[in-house]
Amino acid sequence: PIEWAIDGETTSLHYQASYVVVNTQATGGTANALVNFSITYE
């Protein structure tokens, strides 16, 4: 249910919003993966 809009500049904002929503619904394992992705993407 993660919708990352990898388009270019809007990705940062869109990704952050999705991350917050998913983090609340996702489990620890999923949240961990999201955090890792954030670091890698940045």
PDB file of N, CA and C in Angstrom:
ATOM      1  N   PRO A   1       0.822  -1.222   0.000  1.00  0.00           N
ATOM      2  CA  PRO A   1       0.000   0.000   0.000  1.00  0.00           C
ATOM      3  C   PRO A   1       0.850   1.264   0.000  1.00  0.00           C
ATOM      4  N   ILE A   2       2.119   1.115  -0.355  1.00  0.00           N
ATOM      5  CA  ILE A   2       2.999   2.290  -0.373  1.00  0.00           C
ATOM      6  C   ILE A   2       2.996   2.897  -1.772  1.00  0.00           C
ATOM      7  N   GLU A   3       2.692   4.173  -1.865  1.00  0.00           N
ATOM      8  CA  GLU A   3       2.646   4.813  -3.176  1.00  0.00           C
ATOM      9  C   GLU A   3       3.738   5.859  -3.280  1.00  0.00           C
ATOM     10  N   TRP A   4       4.905   5.437  -3.749  1.00  0.00           N
ATOM     11  CA  TRP A   4       6.014   6.378  -3.906  1.00  0.00           C
ATOM     12  C   TRP A   4       5.961   7.016  -5.282  1.00  0.00           C
ATOM     13  N   ALA A   5       5.927   8.320  -5.316  1.00  0.00           N
ATOM     14  CA  ALA A   5       5.873   9.017  -6.603  1.00  0.00           C
ATOM     15  C   ALA A   5       7.286   9.399  -7.028  1.00  0.00           C
ATOM     16  N   ILE A   6       8.008   8.451  -7.571  1.00  0.00           N
ATOM     17  CA  ILE A   6       9.388   8.722  -7.991  1.00  0.00           C
ATOM     18  C   ILE A   6       9.354   9.473  -9.316  1.00  0.00           C
ATOM     19  N   ASP A   7       9.214  10.767  -9.224  1.00  0.00           N
ATOM     20  CA  ASP A   7       9.136  11.588 -10.425  1.00  0.00           C
ATOM     21  C   ASP A   7      10.324  12.540 -10.515  1.00  0.00           C
ATOM     22  N   GLY A   8      10.825  12.962  -9.373  1.00  0.00           N
ATOM     23  CA  GLY A   8      11.970  13.872  -9.412  1.00  0.00           C
ATOM     24  C   GLY A   8      12.029  14.730  -8.165  1.00  0.00           C
ATOM     25  N   GLU A   9      11.362  15.884  -8.202  1.00  0.00           N
ATOM     26  CA  GLU A   9      11.428  16.791  -7.059  1.00  0.00           C
ATOM     27  C   GLU A   9      10.302  16.528  -6.067  1.00  0.00           C
ATOM     28  N   THR A  10       9.138  16.179  -6.573  1.00  0.00           N
ATOM     29  CA  THR A  10       7.992  15.955  -5.683  1.00  0.00           C
ATOM     30  C   THR A  10       8.165  14.662  -4.899  1.00  0.00           C
ATOM     31  N   THR A  11       9.143  13.845  -5.270  1.00  0.00           N
ATOM     32  CA  THR A  11       9.322  12.563  -4.601  1.00  0.00           C
ATOM     33  C   THR A  11       9.565  12.757  -3.110  1.00  0.00           C
ATOM     34  N   SER A  12      10.369  13.739  -2.762  1.00  0.00           N
ATOM     35  CA  SER A  12      10.692  13.965  -1.348  1.00  0.00           C
ATOM     36  C   SER A  12       9.430  14.170  -0.530  1.00  0.00           C
ATOM     37  N   LEU A  13       8.588  15.101  -0.947  1.00  0.00           N
ATOM     38  CA  LEU A  13       7.372  15.405  -0.191  1.00  0.00           C
ATOM     39  C   LEU A  13       6.424  14.220  -0.220  1.00  0.00           C
ATOM     40  N   HIS A  14       6.207  13.669  -1.386  1.00  0.00           N
ATOM     41  CA  HIS A  14       5.281  12.543  -1.523  1.00  0.00           C
ATOM     42  C   HIS A  14       5.766  11.361  -0.694  1.00  0.00           C
ATOM     43  N   TYR A  15       7.054  11.110  -0.738  1.00  0.00           N
ATOM     44  CA  TYR A  15       7.619   9.977  -0.001  1.00  0.00           C
ATOM     45  C   TYR A  15       7.434  10.174   1.497  1.00  0.00           C
ATOM     46  N   GLN A  16       7.711  11.369   1.981  1.00  0.00           N
ATOM     47  CA  GLN A  16       7.573  11.650   3.408  1.00  0.00           C
ATOM     48  C   GLN A  16       6.143  11.405   3.868  1.00  0.00           C
ATOM     49  N   ALA A  17       5.182  11.900   3.110  1.00  0.00           N
ATOM     50  CA  ALA A  17       3.771  11.732   3.475  1.00  0.00           C
ATOM     51  C   ALA A  17       3.417  10.248   3.520  1.00  0.00           C
ATOM     52  N   SER A  18       3.822   9.506   2.491  1.00  0.00           N
ATOM     53  CA  SER A  18       3.514   8.078   2.450  1.00  0.00           C
ATOM     54  C   SER A  18       4.197   7.362   3.612  1.00  0.00           C
ATOM     55  N   TYR A  19       5.420   7.752   3.900  1.00  0.00           N
ATOM     56  CA  TYR A  19       6.174   7.106   4.976  1.00  0.00           C
ATOM     57  C   TYR A  19       5.450   7.257   6.307  1.00  0.00           C
ATOM     58  N   VAL A  20       4.961   8.436   6.585  1.00  0.00           N
ATOM     59  CA  VAL A  20       4.262   8.678   7.850  1.00  0.00           C
ATOM     60  C   VAL A  20       3.014   7.808   7.941  1.00  0.00           C
ATOM     61  N   VAL A  21       2.236   7.776   6.881  1.00  0.00           N
ATOM     62  CA  VAL A  21       0.997   6.986   6.880  1.00  0.00           C
ATOM     63  C   VAL A  21       1.321   5.506   7.019  1.00  0.00           C
ATOM     64  N   VAL A  22       2.267   5.026   6.239  1.00  0.00           N
ATOM     65  CA  VAL A  22       2.608   3.606   6.271  1.00  0.00           C
ATOM     66  C   VAL A  22       3.201   3.238   7.625  1.00  0.00           C
ATOM     67  N   ASN A  23       4.051   4.101   8.152  1.00  0.00           N
ATOM     68  CA  ASN A  23       4.696   3.804   9.428  1.00  0.00           C
ATOM     69  C   ASN A  23       3.653   3.550  10.505  1.00  0.00           C
ATOM     70  N   THR A  24       2.566   4.283  10.473  1.00  0.00           N
ATOM     71  CA  THR A  24       1.522   4.129  11.482  1.00  0.00           C
ATOM     72  C   THR A  24       0.807   2.794  11.314  1.00  0.00           C
ATOM     73  N   GLN A  25       0.692   2.331  10.090  1.00  0.00           N
ATOM     74  CA  GLN A  25      -0.040   1.096   9.818  1.00  0.00           C
ATOM     75  C   GLN A  25       0.897  -0.100   9.731  1.00  0.00           C
ATOM     76  N   ALA A  26       2.092   0.121   9.288  1.00  0.00           N
ATOM     77  CA  ALA A  26       3.028  -0.978   9.087  1.00  0.00           C
ATOM     78  C   ALA A  26       3.576  -1.488  10.416  1.00  0.00           C
ATOM     79  N   THR A  27       4.182  -2.664  10.364  1.00  0.00           N
ATOM     80  CA  THR A  27       4.763  -3.242  11.572  1.00  0.00           C
ATOM     81  C   THR A  27       6.202  -2.769  11.731  1.00  0.00           C
ATOM     82  N   GLY A  28       6.877  -3.204  12.783  1.00  0.00           N
ATOM     83  CA  GLY A  28       8.254  -2.781  13.020  1.00  0.00           C
ATOM     84  C   GLY A  28       9.146  -3.128  11.849  1.00  0.00           C
ATOM     85  N   GLY A  29       9.013  -4.339  11.331  1.00  0.00           N
ATOM     86  CA  GLY A  29       9.863  -4.761  10.213  1.00  0.00           C
ATOM     87  C   GLY A  29       9.671  -3.864   9.003  1.00  0.00           C
ATOM     88  N   THR A  30       8.426  -3.606   8.673  1.00  0.00           N
ATOM     89  CA  THR A  30       8.156  -2.767   7.502  1.00  0.00           C
ATOM     90  C   THR A  30       8.664  -1.352   7.737  1.00  0.00           C
ATOM     91  N   ALA A  31       8.443  -0.836   8.923  1.00  0.00           N
ATOM     92  CA  ALA A  31       8.884   0.523   9.228  1.00  0.00           C
ATOM     93  C   ALA A  31      10.405   0.606   9.098  1.00  0.00           C
ATOM     94  N   ASN A  32      11.087  -0.426   9.553  1.00  0.00           N
ATOM     95  CA  ASN A  32      12.537  -0.441   9.466  1.00  0.00           C
ATOM     96  C   ASN A  32      12.978  -0.331   8.012  1.00  0.00           C
ATOM     97  N   ALA A  33      12.336  -1.094   7.144  1.00  0.00           N
ATOM     98  CA  ALA A  33      12.687  -1.068   5.725  1.00  0.00           C
ATOM     99  C   ALA A  33      12.455   0.327   5.150  1.00  0.00           C
ATOM    100  N   LEU A  34      11.388   0.966   5.576  1.00  0.00           N
ATOM    101  CA  LEU A  34      11.078   2.298   5.065  1.00  0.00           C
ATOM    102  C   LEU A  34      12.158   3.282   5.492  1.00  0.00           C
ATOM    103  N   VAL A  35      12.587   3.179   6.741  1.00  0.00           N
ATOM    104  CA  VAL A  35      13.623   4.088   7.236  1.00  0.00           C
ATOM    105  C   VAL A  35      14.905   3.873   6.438  1.00  0.00           C
ATOM    106  N   ASN A  36      15.244   2.615   6.198  1.00  0.00           N
ATOM    107  CA  ASN A  36      16.441   2.306   5.432  1.00  0.00           C
ATOM    108  C   ASN A  36      16.336   2.904   4.035  1.00  0.00           C
ATOM    109  N   PHE A  37      15.173   2.763   3.432  1.00  0.00           N
ATOM    110  CA  PHE A  37      14.959   3.306   2.090  1.00  0.00           C
ATOM    111  C   PHE A  37      15.142   4.820   2.090  1.00  0.00           C
ATOM    112  N   SER A  38      14.655   5.450   3.142  1.00  0.00           N
ATOM    113  CA  SER A  38      14.759   6.902   3.231  1.00  0.00           C
ATOM    114  C   SER A  38      16.223   7.322   3.195  1.00  0.00           C
ATOM    115  N   ILE A  39      17.046   6.642   3.966  1.00  0.00           N
ATOM    116  CA  ILE A  39      18.472   6.984   4.020  1.00  0.00           C
ATOM    117  C   ILE A  39      19.125   6.736   2.658  1.00  0.00           C
ATOM    118  N   THR A  40      18.784   5.605   2.051  1.00  0.00           N
ATOM    119  CA  THR A  40      19.381   5.275   0.762  1.00  0.00           C
ATOM    120  C   THR A  40      18.948   6.264  -0.314  1.00  0.00           C
ATOM    121  N   TYR A  41      17.666   6.613  -0.270  1.00  0.00           N
ATOM    122  CA  TYR A  41      17.148   7.528  -1.293  1.00  0.00           C
ATOM    123  C   TYR A  41      17.762   8.915  -1.145  1.00  0.00           C
ATOM    124  N   GLU A  42      17.868   9.376   0.090  1.00  0.00           N
ATOM    125  CA  GLU A  42      18.436  10.696   0.330  1.00  0.00           C
ATOM    126  C   GLU A  42      19.889  10.692  -0.110  1.00  0.00           C
TER     127      GLU A  42
END
